Amino acid sequence: MYSFIKEIRPGFEITPEEIHEIEENYEIRFPQALVQFYLECNGAEAKLCYFEADEDEDDEDDEYEDADDNDFEEDDEDFEDGNDDFEEDDDDFEYEDYPYEVRSIVPLRYGRLTFEQIIDNDRDYMDNNMFPIAGNQGGDCYYWNKNSEKIYLYYCDDIEEPIFICHTVKRFFEKLSDAVVQAEGFEKGNKDK
């Protein structure tokens, strides 16, 4: 299970055949991490996640540069327990220290504001290599590049200046999982005081 998922909604399930149909319609191939997510969690409600972008768009970590999409597994430790990149002291966590947030993961089909609906609405002004993956509370959208798999945030009022977030979809999901683990630790620490 993905720690950033709050609730799996019944009736939103999607099949491999539907994913393949969407890939053919838009001449794309979904990264394996995204296929796995949609098969398990299409239309799921996400927890609110706050996080930072990775350092440099052009300076890929070897870990992500050579990442094999096929090595993604749902029980990957990074998704269940978070990636211990944060300091152990939960008192150091502050929401305002994390400039980006995700409120929802865009469903492929079956739901409000689906992958196909967003694409149909944004193709007049959005690069044809960019495809929606998530949204924030303000209505801005995160997109992944079909050629590089890099994730960018596009603000509705400034689509000319996308913000690099990370190098892969798998890394994006790790960031969301890390954010939830850290935030839950912070909230628990505050309740104990």
N, C-alpha and C. Protein backbone atom coordinates (compact mmCIF):
# COMPACT_ATOMS: atom_id res chain seq x y z
N MET A 1 0.84 -1.19 0.00
CA MET A 1 0.00 0.00 0.00
C MET A 1 0.88 1.24 0.00
N TYR A 2 0.40 2.27 -0.59
CA TYR A 2 1.11 3.55 -0.64
C TYR A 2 0.69 4.35 0.59
N SER A 3 1.66 4.81 1.37
CA SER A 3 1.33 5.50 2.62
C SER A 3 0.64 6.84 2.39
N PHE A 4 0.71 7.39 1.19
CA PHE A 4 0.05 8.66 0.91
C PHE A 4 -1.40 8.51 0.47
N ILE A 5 -1.88 7.28 0.41
CA ILE A 5 -3.28 7.04 0.05
C ILE A 5 -4.12 6.98 1.31
N LYS A 6 -5.15 7.79 1.33
CA LYS A 6 -6.05 7.85 2.48
C LYS A 6 -7.14 6.78 2.38
N GLU A 7 -7.68 6.61 1.17
CA GLU A 7 -8.78 5.67 1.00
C GLU A 7 -8.86 5.21 -0.45
N ILE A 8 -9.02 3.90 -0.62
CA ILE A 8 -9.28 3.34 -1.94
C ILE A 8 -10.79 3.41 -2.16
N ARG A 9 -11.20 3.99 -3.26
CA ARG A 9 -12.63 4.16 -3.54
C ARG A 9 -13.14 3.02 -4.41
N PRO A 10 -14.18 2.33 -3.98
CA PRO A 10 -14.74 1.25 -4.80
C PRO A 10 -15.39 1.83 -6.06
N GLY A 11 -15.33 1.06 -7.13
CA GLY A 11 -15.94 1.49 -8.38
C GLY A 11 -15.01 2.27 -9.28
N PHE A 12 -13.77 2.51 -8.86
CA PHE A 12 -12.82 3.27 -9.66
C PHE A 12 -11.75 2.36 -10.27
N GLU A 13 -11.90 1.05 -10.10
CA GLU A 13 -10.89 0.12 -10.59
C GLU A 13 -10.70 0.27 -12.09
N ILE A 14 -9.48 0.05 -12.52
CA ILE A 14 -9.16 0.14 -13.94
C ILE A 14 -8.40 -1.12 -14.34
N THR A 15 -8.57 -1.55 -15.57
CA THR A 15 -7.95 -2.80 -16.04
C THR A 15 -6.70 -2.51 -16.86
N PRO A 16 -5.83 -3.51 -17.00
CA PRO A 16 -4.66 -3.34 -17.87
C PRO A 16 -5.08 -2.99 -19.30
N GLU A 17 -6.20 -3.52 -19.74
CA GLU A 17 -6.68 -3.23 -21.10
C GLU A 17 -7.06 -1.75 -21.25
N GLU A 18 -7.66 -1.18 -20.21
CA GLU A 18 -8.00 0.25 -20.26
C GLU A 18 -6.74 1.11 -20.27
N ILE A 19 -5.75 0.72 -19.48
CA ILE A 19 -4.48 1.45 -19.47
C ILE A 19 -3.85 1.40 -20.86
N HIS A 20 -3.83 0.22 -21.47
CA HIS A 20 -3.27 0.06 -22.81
C HIS A 20 -4.03 0.91 -23.83
N GLU A 21 -5.34 0.96 -23.72
CA GLU A 21 -6.16 1.77 -24.62
C GLU A 21 -5.79 3.26 -24.51
N ILE A 22 -5.61 3.74 -23.30
CA ILE A 22 -5.23 5.14 -23.09
C ILE A 22 -3.83 5.38 -23.65
N GLU A 23 -2.92 4.44 -23.44
CA GLU A 23 -1.57 4.58 -24.00
C GLU A 23 -1.64 4.70 -25.52
N GLU A 24 -2.44 3.88 -26.16
CA GLU A 24 -2.56 3.94 -27.62
C GLU A 24 -3.21 5.25 -28.06
N ASN A 25 -4.25 5.68 -27.36
CA ASN A 25 -4.96 6.92 -27.73
C ASN A 25 -4.04 8.13 -27.69
N TYR A 26 -3.12 8.17 -26.73
CA TYR A 26 -2.25 9.34 -26.55
C TYR A 26 -0.80 9.09 -26.98
N GLU A 27 -0.55 7.93 -27.59
CA GLU A 27 0.78 7.57 -28.07
C GLU A 27 1.84 7.74 -26.99
N ILE A 28 1.57 7.12 -25.86
CA ILE A 28 2.49 7.15 -24.72
C ILE A 28 2.66 5.76 -24.16
N ARG A 29 3.65 5.62 -23.31
CA ARG A 29 3.81 4.40 -22.52
C ARG A 29 3.99 4.86 -21.07
N PHE A 30 3.04 4.46 -20.23
CA PHE A 30 3.12 4.84 -18.82
C PHE A 30 4.33 4.19 -18.16
N PRO A 31 5.04 4.92 -17.31
CA PRO A 31 6.11 4.30 -16.52
C PRO A 31 5.51 3.17 -15.67
N GLN A 32 6.27 2.12 -15.46
CA GLN A 32 5.77 0.96 -14.73
C GLN A 32 5.25 1.33 -13.34
N ALA A 33 5.91 2.26 -12.66
CA ALA A 33 5.46 2.69 -11.33
C ALA A 33 4.06 3.28 -11.39
N LEU A 34 3.75 3.98 -12.48
CA LEU A 34 2.43 4.58 -12.64
C LEU A 34 1.38 3.53 -13.00
N VAL A 35 1.75 2.59 -13.84
CA VAL A 35 0.83 1.48 -14.18
C VAL A 35 0.45 0.74 -12.91
N GLN A 36 1.45 0.39 -12.11
CA GLN A 36 1.20 -0.34 -10.86
C GLN A 36 0.27 0.46 -9.95
N PHE A 37 0.52 1.76 -9.84
CA PHE A 37 -0.32 2.61 -9.00
C PHE A 37 -1.76 2.60 -9.50
N TYR A 38 -1.95 2.80 -10.78
CA TYR A 38 -3.32 2.86 -11.32
C TYR A 38 -4.06 1.52 -11.17
N LEU A 39 -3.36 0.43 -11.33
CA LEU A 39 -4.00 -0.88 -11.16
C LEU A 39 -4.46 -1.09 -9.71
N GLU A 40 -3.72 -0.53 -8.77
CA GLU A 40 -4.06 -0.70 -7.36
C GLU A 40 -4.91 0.42 -6.78
N CYS A 41 -4.73 1.64 -7.29
CA CYS A 41 -5.30 2.80 -6.58
C CYS A 41 -5.97 3.84 -7.48
N ASN A 42 -6.38 3.51 -8.68
CA ASN A 42 -7.02 4.51 -9.54
C ASN A 42 -8.20 5.17 -8.80
N GLY A 43 -8.22 6.47 -8.78
CA GLY A 43 -9.31 7.20 -8.14
C GLY A 43 -9.25 7.26 -6.64
N ALA A 44 -8.18 6.75 -6.03
CA ALA A 44 -8.07 6.76 -4.57
C ALA A 44 -7.92 8.18 -4.04
N GLU A 45 -8.37 8.38 -2.81
CA GLU A 45 -8.20 9.68 -2.15
C GLU A 45 -6.82 9.73 -1.51
N ALA A 46 -6.08 10.78 -1.82
CA ALA A 46 -4.72 10.95 -1.28
C ALA A 46 -4.75 11.81 -0.03
N LYS A 47 -3.76 11.59 0.82
CA LYS A 47 -3.53 12.47 1.96
C LYS A 47 -2.83 13.73 1.44
N LEU A 48 -3.00 14.83 2.14
CA LEU A 48 -2.29 16.05 1.78
C LEU A 48 -0.81 15.87 2.09
N CYS A 49 0.05 16.06 1.10
CA CYS A 49 1.49 15.82 1.25
C CYS A 49 2.27 17.10 0.96
N TYR A 50 3.18 17.46 1.87
CA TYR A 50 4.08 18.60 1.69
C TYR A 50 5.49 18.07 1.50
N PHE A 51 6.24 18.65 0.55
CA PHE A 51 7.58 18.15 0.26
C PHE A 51 8.40 19.21 -0.45
N GLU A 52 9.68 18.93 -0.62
CA GLU A 52 10.60 19.78 -1.37
C GLU A 52 10.90 19.12 -2.72
N ALA A 53 11.26 19.94 -3.68
CA ALA A 53 11.70 19.41 -4.97
C ALA A 53 13.12 18.87 -4.82
N ASP A 54 13.50 17.97 -5.72
CA ASP A 54 14.88 17.51 -5.76
C ASP A 54 15.76 18.68 -6.18
N GLU A 55 17.04 18.56 -5.86
CA GLU A 55 17.98 19.68 -6.02
C GLU A 55 18.10 20.22 -7.44
N ASP A 56 18.48 19.38 -8.38
CA ASP A 56 18.85 19.90 -9.69
C ASP A 56 18.30 19.02 -10.79
N GLU A 57 17.60 19.64 -11.70
CA GLU A 57 16.99 18.90 -12.80
C GLU A 57 18.03 18.19 -13.66
N ASP A 58 19.19 18.80 -13.86
CA ASP A 58 20.20 18.23 -14.75
C ASP A 58 21.18 17.31 -14.05
N ASP A 59 21.13 17.23 -12.74
CA ASP A 59 22.07 16.44 -11.96
C ASP A 59 21.36 15.23 -11.37
N GLU A 60 21.13 14.24 -12.22
CA GLU A 60 20.42 13.05 -11.76
C GLU A 60 21.29 12.22 -10.85
N ASP A 61 20.69 11.71 -9.78
CA ASP A 61 21.35 10.72 -8.94
C ASP A 61 21.51 9.46 -9.75
N ASP A 62 22.59 8.74 -9.55
CA ASP A 62 22.75 7.46 -10.23
C ASP A 62 21.59 6.53 -9.91
N GLU A 63 21.07 6.66 -8.70
CA GLU A 63 19.95 5.81 -8.27
C GLU A 63 18.75 5.95 -9.21
N TYR A 64 18.51 7.16 -9.73
CA TYR A 64 17.34 7.39 -10.58
C TYR A 64 17.71 7.36 -12.05
N GLU A 65 18.94 7.70 -12.37
CA GLU A 65 19.38 7.71 -13.76
C GLU A 65 19.31 6.31 -14.35
N ASP A 66 19.71 5.33 -13.55
CA ASP A 66 19.73 3.96 -14.03
C ASP A 66 18.53 3.15 -13.54
N ALA A 67 17.54 3.83 -13.04
CA ALA A 67 16.38 3.13 -12.48
C ALA A 67 15.69 2.30 -13.54
N ASP A 68 15.34 1.11 -13.18
CA ASP A 68 14.61 0.22 -14.06
C ASP A 68 13.16 0.23 -13.61
N ASP A 69 12.27 0.67 -14.48
CA ASP A 69 10.85 0.76 -14.12
C ASP A 69 10.30 -0.59 -13.67
N ASN A 70 10.88 -1.66 -14.16
CA ASN A 70 10.34 -2.97 -13.84
C ASN A 70 10.69 -3.44 -12.44
N ASP A 71 11.55 -2.70 -11.72
CA ASP A 71 11.91 -3.15 -10.37
C ASP A 71 10.98 -2.57 -9.32
N PHE A 72 9.92 -1.92 -9.74
CA PHE A 72 8.96 -1.34 -8.79
C PHE A 72 8.09 -2.45 -8.20
N GLU A 73 7.96 -2.43 -6.88
CA GLU A 73 7.10 -3.39 -6.20
C GLU A 73 6.27 -2.65 -5.18
N GLU A 74 5.01 -3.08 -5.02
CA GLU A 74 4.14 -2.38 -4.08
C GLU A 74 4.63 -2.47 -2.65
N ASP A 75 5.36 -3.53 -2.31
CA ASP A 75 5.80 -3.65 -0.93
C ASP A 75 7.20 -3.08 -0.74
N ASP A 76 7.66 -2.26 -1.66
CA ASP A 76 8.94 -1.58 -1.54
C ASP A 76 8.97 -0.81 -0.22
N GLU A 77 10.08 -0.96 0.53
CA GLU A 77 10.20 -0.30 1.84
C GLU A 77 9.95 1.20 1.75
N ASP A 78 10.40 1.83 0.67
CA ASP A 78 10.24 3.28 0.55
C ASP A 78 8.78 3.70 0.60
N PHE A 79 7.88 2.85 0.14
CA PHE A 79 6.47 3.21 0.12
C PHE A 79 5.79 2.93 1.46
N GLU A 80 6.24 1.93 2.16
CA GLU A 80 5.59 1.59 3.41
C GLU A 80 6.11 2.41 4.58
N ASP A 81 7.41 2.51 4.68
CA ASP A 81 7.99 3.12 5.87
C ASP A 81 8.58 4.49 5.63
N GLY A 82 8.57 4.93 4.41
CA GLY A 82 9.23 6.20 4.11
C GLY A 82 10.71 5.94 3.89
N ASN A 83 11.37 6.92 3.39
CA ASN A 83 12.79 6.83 3.11
C ASN A 83 13.47 7.70 4.16
N ASP A 84 14.20 7.19 5.05
CA ASP A 84 14.68 7.89 6.24
C ASP A 84 15.59 9.07 5.91
N ASP A 85 15.23 9.88 4.92
CA ASP A 85 16.00 11.07 4.57
C ASP A 85 15.79 12.19 5.56
N PHE A 86 14.69 12.17 6.28
CA PHE A 86 14.39 13.23 7.23
C PHE A 86 15.13 12.97 8.54
N GLU A 87 15.39 14.03 9.28
CA GLU A 87 16.01 13.87 10.58
C GLU A 87 15.07 13.12 11.50
N GLU A 88 15.64 12.42 12.44
CA GLU A 88 14.84 11.63 13.37
C GLU A 88 14.01 12.50 14.30
N ASP A 89 14.44 13.71 14.59
CA ASP A 89 13.74 14.57 15.54
C ASP A 89 12.51 15.18 14.88
N ASP A 90 11.32 14.65 15.21
CA ASP A 90 10.09 15.11 14.60
C ASP A 90 9.76 16.55 14.94
N ASP A 91 10.35 17.10 15.99
CA ASP A 91 10.07 18.49 16.37
C ASP A 91 10.61 19.47 15.34
N ASP A 92 11.52 19.04 14.45
CA ASP A 92 12.09 19.92 13.45
C ASP A 92 11.18 20.13 12.25
N PHE A 93 10.17 19.32 12.10
CA PHE A 93 9.29 19.40 10.93
C PHE A 93 8.33 20.58 11.05
N GLU A 94 8.26 21.38 9.99
CA GLU A 94 7.31 22.48 9.90
C GLU A 94 6.74 22.46 8.49
N TYR A 95 5.42 22.52 8.37
CA TYR A 95 4.80 22.47 7.06
C TYR A 95 5.31 23.58 6.14
N GLU A 96 5.52 24.78 6.68
CA GLU A 96 5.95 25.89 5.83
C GLU A 96 7.36 25.72 5.28
N ASP A 97 8.11 24.74 5.80
CA ASP A 97 9.45 24.47 5.27
C ASP A 97 9.40 23.69 3.96
N TYR A 98 8.25 23.20 3.58
CA TYR A 98 8.10 22.39 2.39
C TYR A 98 7.21 23.13 1.39
N PRO A 99 7.80 23.68 0.32
CA PRO A 99 7.08 24.59 -0.56
C PRO A 99 6.06 23.97 -1.50
N TYR A 100 6.07 22.66 -1.68
CA TYR A 100 5.15 22.04 -2.63
C TYR A 100 4.22 21.08 -1.90
N GLU A 101 3.03 20.93 -2.46
CA GLU A 101 2.08 19.99 -1.86
C GLU A 101 1.26 19.31 -2.94
N VAL A 102 0.81 18.12 -2.62
CA VAL A 102 -0.07 17.35 -3.49
C VAL A 102 -1.33 17.03 -2.70
N ARG A 103 -2.45 17.27 -3.32
CA ARG A 103 -3.75 16.97 -2.69
C ARG A 103 -4.40 15.74 -3.32
N SER A 104 -4.11 15.50 -4.61
CA SER A 104 -4.75 14.38 -5.29
C SER A 104 -3.86 13.81 -6.38
N ILE A 105 -4.07 12.54 -6.64
CA ILE A 105 -3.44 11.89 -7.78
C ILE A 105 -4.52 11.81 -8.86
N VAL A 106 -4.18 12.21 -10.06
CA VAL A 106 -5.15 12.26 -11.16
C VAL A 106 -5.57 10.84 -11.53
N PRO A 107 -6.88 10.53 -11.47
CA PRO A 107 -7.34 9.20 -11.90
C PRO A 107 -7.31 9.09 -13.42
N LEU A 108 -7.05 7.89 -13.93
CA LEU A 108 -7.08 7.71 -15.39
C LEU A 108 -8.50 7.87 -15.91
N ARG A 109 -9.41 7.18 -15.29
CA ARG A 109 -10.83 7.24 -15.65
C ARG A 109 -11.63 7.11 -14.35
N TYR A 110 -12.91 7.35 -14.47
CA TYR A 110 -13.83 7.14 -13.35
C TYR A 110 -13.57 8.07 -12.18
N GLY A 111 -13.98 9.25 -12.31
CA GLY A 111 -13.83 10.19 -11.22
C GLY A 111 -13.95 11.61 -11.72
N ARG A 112 -13.67 12.50 -10.82
CA ARG A 112 -13.70 13.92 -11.14
C ARG A 112 -12.35 14.35 -11.69
N LEU A 113 -12.35 15.05 -12.78
CA LEU A 113 -11.13 15.57 -13.40
C LEU A 113 -10.11 14.47 -13.66
N THR A 114 -10.41 13.63 -14.62
CA THR A 114 -9.57 12.48 -14.96
C THR A 114 -8.42 12.87 -15.88
N PHE A 115 -7.50 11.95 -16.04
CA PHE A 115 -6.35 12.09 -16.94
C PHE A 115 -6.81 12.56 -18.31
N GLU A 116 -7.80 11.87 -18.87
CA GLU A 116 -8.27 12.19 -20.22
C GLU A 116 -8.95 13.56 -20.27
N GLN A 117 -9.71 13.91 -19.25
CA GLN A 117 -10.36 15.23 -19.22
C GLN A 117 -9.33 16.35 -19.15
N ILE A 118 -8.30 16.18 -18.33
CA ILE A 118 -7.26 17.21 -18.22
C ILE A 118 -6.54 17.38 -19.55
N ILE A 119 -6.18 16.27 -20.18
CA ILE A 119 -5.48 16.35 -21.46
C ILE A 119 -6.37 17.04 -22.50
N ASP A 120 -7.62 16.66 -22.57
CA ASP A 120 -8.53 17.28 -23.54
C ASP A 120 -8.64 18.79 -23.31
N ASN A 121 -8.55 19.22 -22.07
CA ASN A 121 -8.66 20.64 -21.75
C ASN A 121 -7.36 21.41 -21.93
N ASP A 122 -6.21 20.75 -21.80
CA ASP A 122 -4.95 21.51 -21.77
C ASP A 122 -4.09 21.41 -23.02
N ARG A 123 -4.50 20.65 -24.02
CA ARG A 123 -3.63 20.45 -25.19
C ARG A 123 -3.42 21.72 -26.01
N ASP A 124 -4.27 22.71 -25.88
CA ASP A 124 -4.09 23.96 -26.63
C ASP A 124 -2.89 24.76 -26.14
N TYR A 125 -2.52 24.58 -24.89
CA TYR A 125 -1.43 25.38 -24.32
C TYR A 125 -0.32 24.55 -23.66
N MET A 126 -0.52 23.27 -23.50
CA MET A 126 0.47 22.43 -22.82
C MET A 126 1.31 21.65 -23.83
N ASP A 127 2.57 21.51 -23.55
CA ASP A 127 3.49 20.71 -24.35
C ASP A 127 2.91 19.30 -24.51
N ASN A 128 2.91 18.78 -25.73
CA ASN A 128 2.33 17.46 -26.01
C ASN A 128 3.09 16.30 -25.38
N ASN A 129 4.26 16.56 -24.82
CA ASN A 129 5.03 15.52 -24.13
C ASN A 129 4.68 15.42 -22.66
N MET A 130 3.85 16.32 -22.16
CA MET A 130 3.55 16.39 -20.73
C MET A 130 2.17 15.79 -20.45
N PHE A 131 2.11 14.96 -19.38
CA PHE A 131 0.86 14.29 -19.02
C PHE A 131 0.62 14.41 -17.52
N PRO A 132 -0.63 14.66 -17.12
CA PRO A 132 -0.94 14.94 -15.72
C PRO A 132 -0.78 13.73 -14.81
N ILE A 133 -0.32 14.01 -13.59
CA ILE A 133 -0.17 12.94 -12.60
C ILE A 133 -0.81 13.31 -11.27
N ALA A 134 -0.79 14.59 -10.89
CA ALA A 134 -1.30 14.97 -9.56
C ALA A 134 -1.71 16.44 -9.57
N GLY A 135 -2.42 16.83 -8.51
CA GLY A 135 -2.83 18.22 -8.37
C GLY A 135 -2.64 18.69 -6.95
N ASN A 136 -2.57 20.02 -6.79
CA ASN A 136 -2.49 20.59 -5.45
C ASN A 136 -3.81 21.24 -5.07
N GLN A 137 -3.87 21.82 -3.90
CA GLN A 137 -5.11 22.42 -3.42
C GLN A 137 -5.53 23.64 -4.23
N GLY A 138 -4.58 24.29 -4.88
CA GLY A 138 -4.88 25.50 -5.63
C GLY A 138 -5.30 25.25 -7.07
N GLY A 139 -5.39 23.99 -7.47
CA GLY A 139 -5.80 23.67 -8.84
C GLY A 139 -4.65 23.59 -9.83
N ASP A 140 -3.42 23.68 -9.33
CA ASP A 140 -2.26 23.55 -10.20
C ASP A 140 -1.99 22.06 -10.41
N CYS A 141 -1.28 21.74 -11.48
CA CYS A 141 -1.11 20.33 -11.84
C CYS A 141 0.35 19.95 -11.99
N TYR A 142 0.67 18.75 -11.53
CA TYR A 142 1.98 18.13 -11.75
C TYR A 142 1.87 17.27 -13.00
N TYR A 143 2.88 17.35 -13.85
CA TYR A 143 2.91 16.59 -15.09
C TYR A 143 4.20 15.78 -15.16
N TRP A 144 4.13 14.64 -15.84
CA TRP A 144 5.33 13.87 -16.12
C TRP A 144 5.60 13.95 -17.62
N ASN A 145 6.88 13.98 -17.97
CA ASN A 145 7.29 14.06 -19.36
C ASN A 145 7.38 12.65 -19.93
N LYS A 146 6.70 12.42 -21.04
CA LYS A 146 6.66 11.06 -21.60
C LYS A 146 8.01 10.59 -22.13
N ASN A 147 8.94 11.50 -22.40
CA ASN A 147 10.26 11.12 -22.91
C ASN A 147 11.28 10.89 -21.81
N SER A 148 11.25 11.74 -20.79
CA SER A 148 12.26 11.66 -19.73
C SER A 148 11.72 11.12 -18.41
N GLU A 149 10.42 11.14 -18.24
CA GLU A 149 9.71 10.75 -17.02
C GLU A 149 9.87 11.77 -15.89
N LYS A 150 10.54 12.89 -16.14
CA LYS A 150 10.70 13.92 -15.12
C LYS A 150 9.34 14.53 -14.77
N ILE A 151 9.22 14.92 -13.51
CA ILE A 151 7.98 15.50 -13.00
C ILE A 151 8.17 17.01 -12.84
N TYR A 152 7.16 17.76 -13.29
CA TYR A 152 7.17 19.23 -13.18
C TYR A 152 5.84 19.70 -12.61
N LEU A 153 5.90 20.80 -11.90
CA LEU A 153 4.69 21.47 -11.42
C LEU A 153 4.45 22.66 -12.33
N TYR A 154 3.22 22.75 -12.85
CA TYR A 154 2.81 23.89 -13.66
C TYR A 154 1.76 24.67 -12.88
N TYR A 155 2.08 25.92 -12.55
CA TYR A 155 1.09 26.78 -11.92
C TYR A 155 0.14 27.28 -12.99
N CYS A 156 -1.15 27.28 -12.72
CA CYS A 156 -2.17 27.70 -13.69
C CYS A 156 -1.89 29.09 -14.25
N ASP A 157 -1.38 29.97 -13.42
CA ASP A 157 -1.16 31.35 -13.86
C ASP A 157 0.26 31.59 -14.37
N ASP A 158 1.06 30.52 -14.54
CA ASP A 158 2.42 30.69 -15.02
C ASP A 158 2.91 29.39 -15.69
N ILE A 159 2.23 28.97 -16.74
CA ILE A 159 2.60 27.70 -17.37
C ILE A 159 3.88 27.79 -18.18
N GLU A 160 4.37 29.00 -18.41
CA GLU A 160 5.61 29.18 -19.15
C GLU A 160 6.84 28.84 -18.31
N GLU A 161 6.68 28.76 -16.99
CA GLU A 161 7.80 28.52 -16.09
C GLU A 161 7.54 27.29 -15.21
N PRO A 162 7.56 26.08 -15.81
CA PRO A 162 7.35 24.88 -14.98
C PRO A 162 8.47 24.72 -13.96
N ILE A 163 8.14 24.10 -12.85
CA ILE A 163 9.10 23.88 -11.77
C ILE A 163 9.46 22.40 -11.73
N PHE A 164 10.74 22.12 -11.86
CA PHE A 164 11.22 20.75 -11.78
C PHE A 164 11.00 20.22 -10.36
N ILE A 165 10.44 19.01 -10.26
CA ILE A 165 10.19 18.38 -8.95
C ILE A 165 11.12 17.19 -8.73
N CYS A 166 11.17 16.27 -9.67
CA CYS A 166 12.04 15.10 -9.52
C CYS A 166 12.20 14.38 -10.86
N HIS A 167 13.04 13.33 -10.87
CA HIS A 167 13.44 12.67 -12.11
C HIS A 167 12.54 11.55 -12.59
N THR A 168 11.77 10.93 -11.71
CA THR A 168 10.95 9.80 -12.12
C THR A 168 9.62 9.77 -11.35
N VAL A 169 8.69 9.03 -11.90
CA VAL A 169 7.41 8.82 -11.21
C VAL A 169 7.63 8.06 -9.91
N LYS A 170 8.50 7.07 -9.95
CA LYS A 170 8.80 6.31 -8.73
C LYS A 170 9.32 7.24 -7.64
N ARG A 171 10.21 8.14 -7.99
CA ARG A 171 10.75 9.10 -7.01
C ARG A 171 9.64 10.03 -6.51
N PHE A 172 8.73 10.42 -7.37
CA PHE A 172 7.61 11.27 -6.97
C PHE A 172 6.77 10.56 -5.90
N PHE A 173 6.47 9.31 -6.13
CA PHE A 173 5.69 8.54 -5.14
C PHE A 173 6.48 8.38 -3.84
N GLU A 174 7.79 8.22 -3.93
CA GLU A 174 8.62 8.16 -2.72
C GLU A 174 8.54 9.47 -1.95
N LYS A 175 8.57 10.60 -2.66
CA LYS A 175 8.47 11.90 -2.00
C LYS A 175 7.14 12.02 -1.26
N LEU A 176 6.06 11.57 -1.88
CA LEU A 176 4.74 11.64 -1.24
C LEU A 176 4.70 10.74 -0.01
N SER A 177 5.26 9.55 -0.13
CA SER A 177 5.29 8.62 1.01
C SER A 177 6.14 9.18 2.14
N ASP A 178 7.29 9.74 1.80
CA ASP A 178 8.16 10.36 2.82
C ASP A 178 7.43 11.49 3.52
N ALA A 179 6.72 12.29 2.75
CA ALA A 179 6.00 13.44 3.31
C ALA A 179 4.96 13.00 4.33
N VAL A 180 4.26 11.94 4.03
CA VAL A 180 3.22 11.44 4.93
C VAL A 180 3.84 10.88 6.20
N VAL A 181 4.90 10.10 6.06
CA VAL A 181 5.57 9.53 7.23
C VAL A 181 6.08 10.65 8.13
N GLN A 182 6.70 11.66 7.55
CA GLN A 182 7.23 12.77 8.33
C GLN A 182 6.11 13.56 9.00
N ALA A 183 5.05 13.87 8.25
CA ALA A 183 3.94 14.65 8.80
C ALA A 183 3.23 13.89 9.92
N GLU A 184 3.04 12.60 9.73
CA GLU A 184 2.38 11.81 10.77
C GLU A 184 3.24 11.77 12.03
N GLY A 185 4.55 11.70 11.87
CA GLY A 185 5.44 11.75 13.03
C GLY A 185 5.35 13.08 13.73
N PHE A 186 5.26 14.16 12.97
CA PHE A 186 5.14 15.51 13.53
C PHE A 186 3.83 15.64 14.31
N GLU A 187 2.73 15.20 13.69
CA GLU A 187 1.43 15.31 14.35
C GLU A 187 1.39 14.47 15.61
N LYS A 188 1.97 13.26 15.56
CA LYS A 188 2.01 12.40 16.74
C LYS A 188 2.82 13.06 17.85
N GLY A 189 3.97 13.63 17.48
CA GLY A 189 4.82 14.31 18.46
C GLY A 189 4.12 15.47 19.14
N ASN A 190 3.33 16.21 18.40
CA ASN A 190 2.60 17.35 18.97
C ASN A 190 1.47 16.90 19.89
N LYS A 191 0.85 15.75 19.59
CA LYS A 191 -0.23 15.23 20.45
C LYS A 191 0.32 14.76 21.78
N ASP A 192 1.58 14.30 21.76
CA ASP A 192 2.18 13.77 22.99
C ASP A 192 2.60 14.87 23.96
N LYS A 193 2.64 16.11 23.48
CA LYS A 193 3.12 17.22 24.33
C LYS A 193 2.03 17.74 25.22
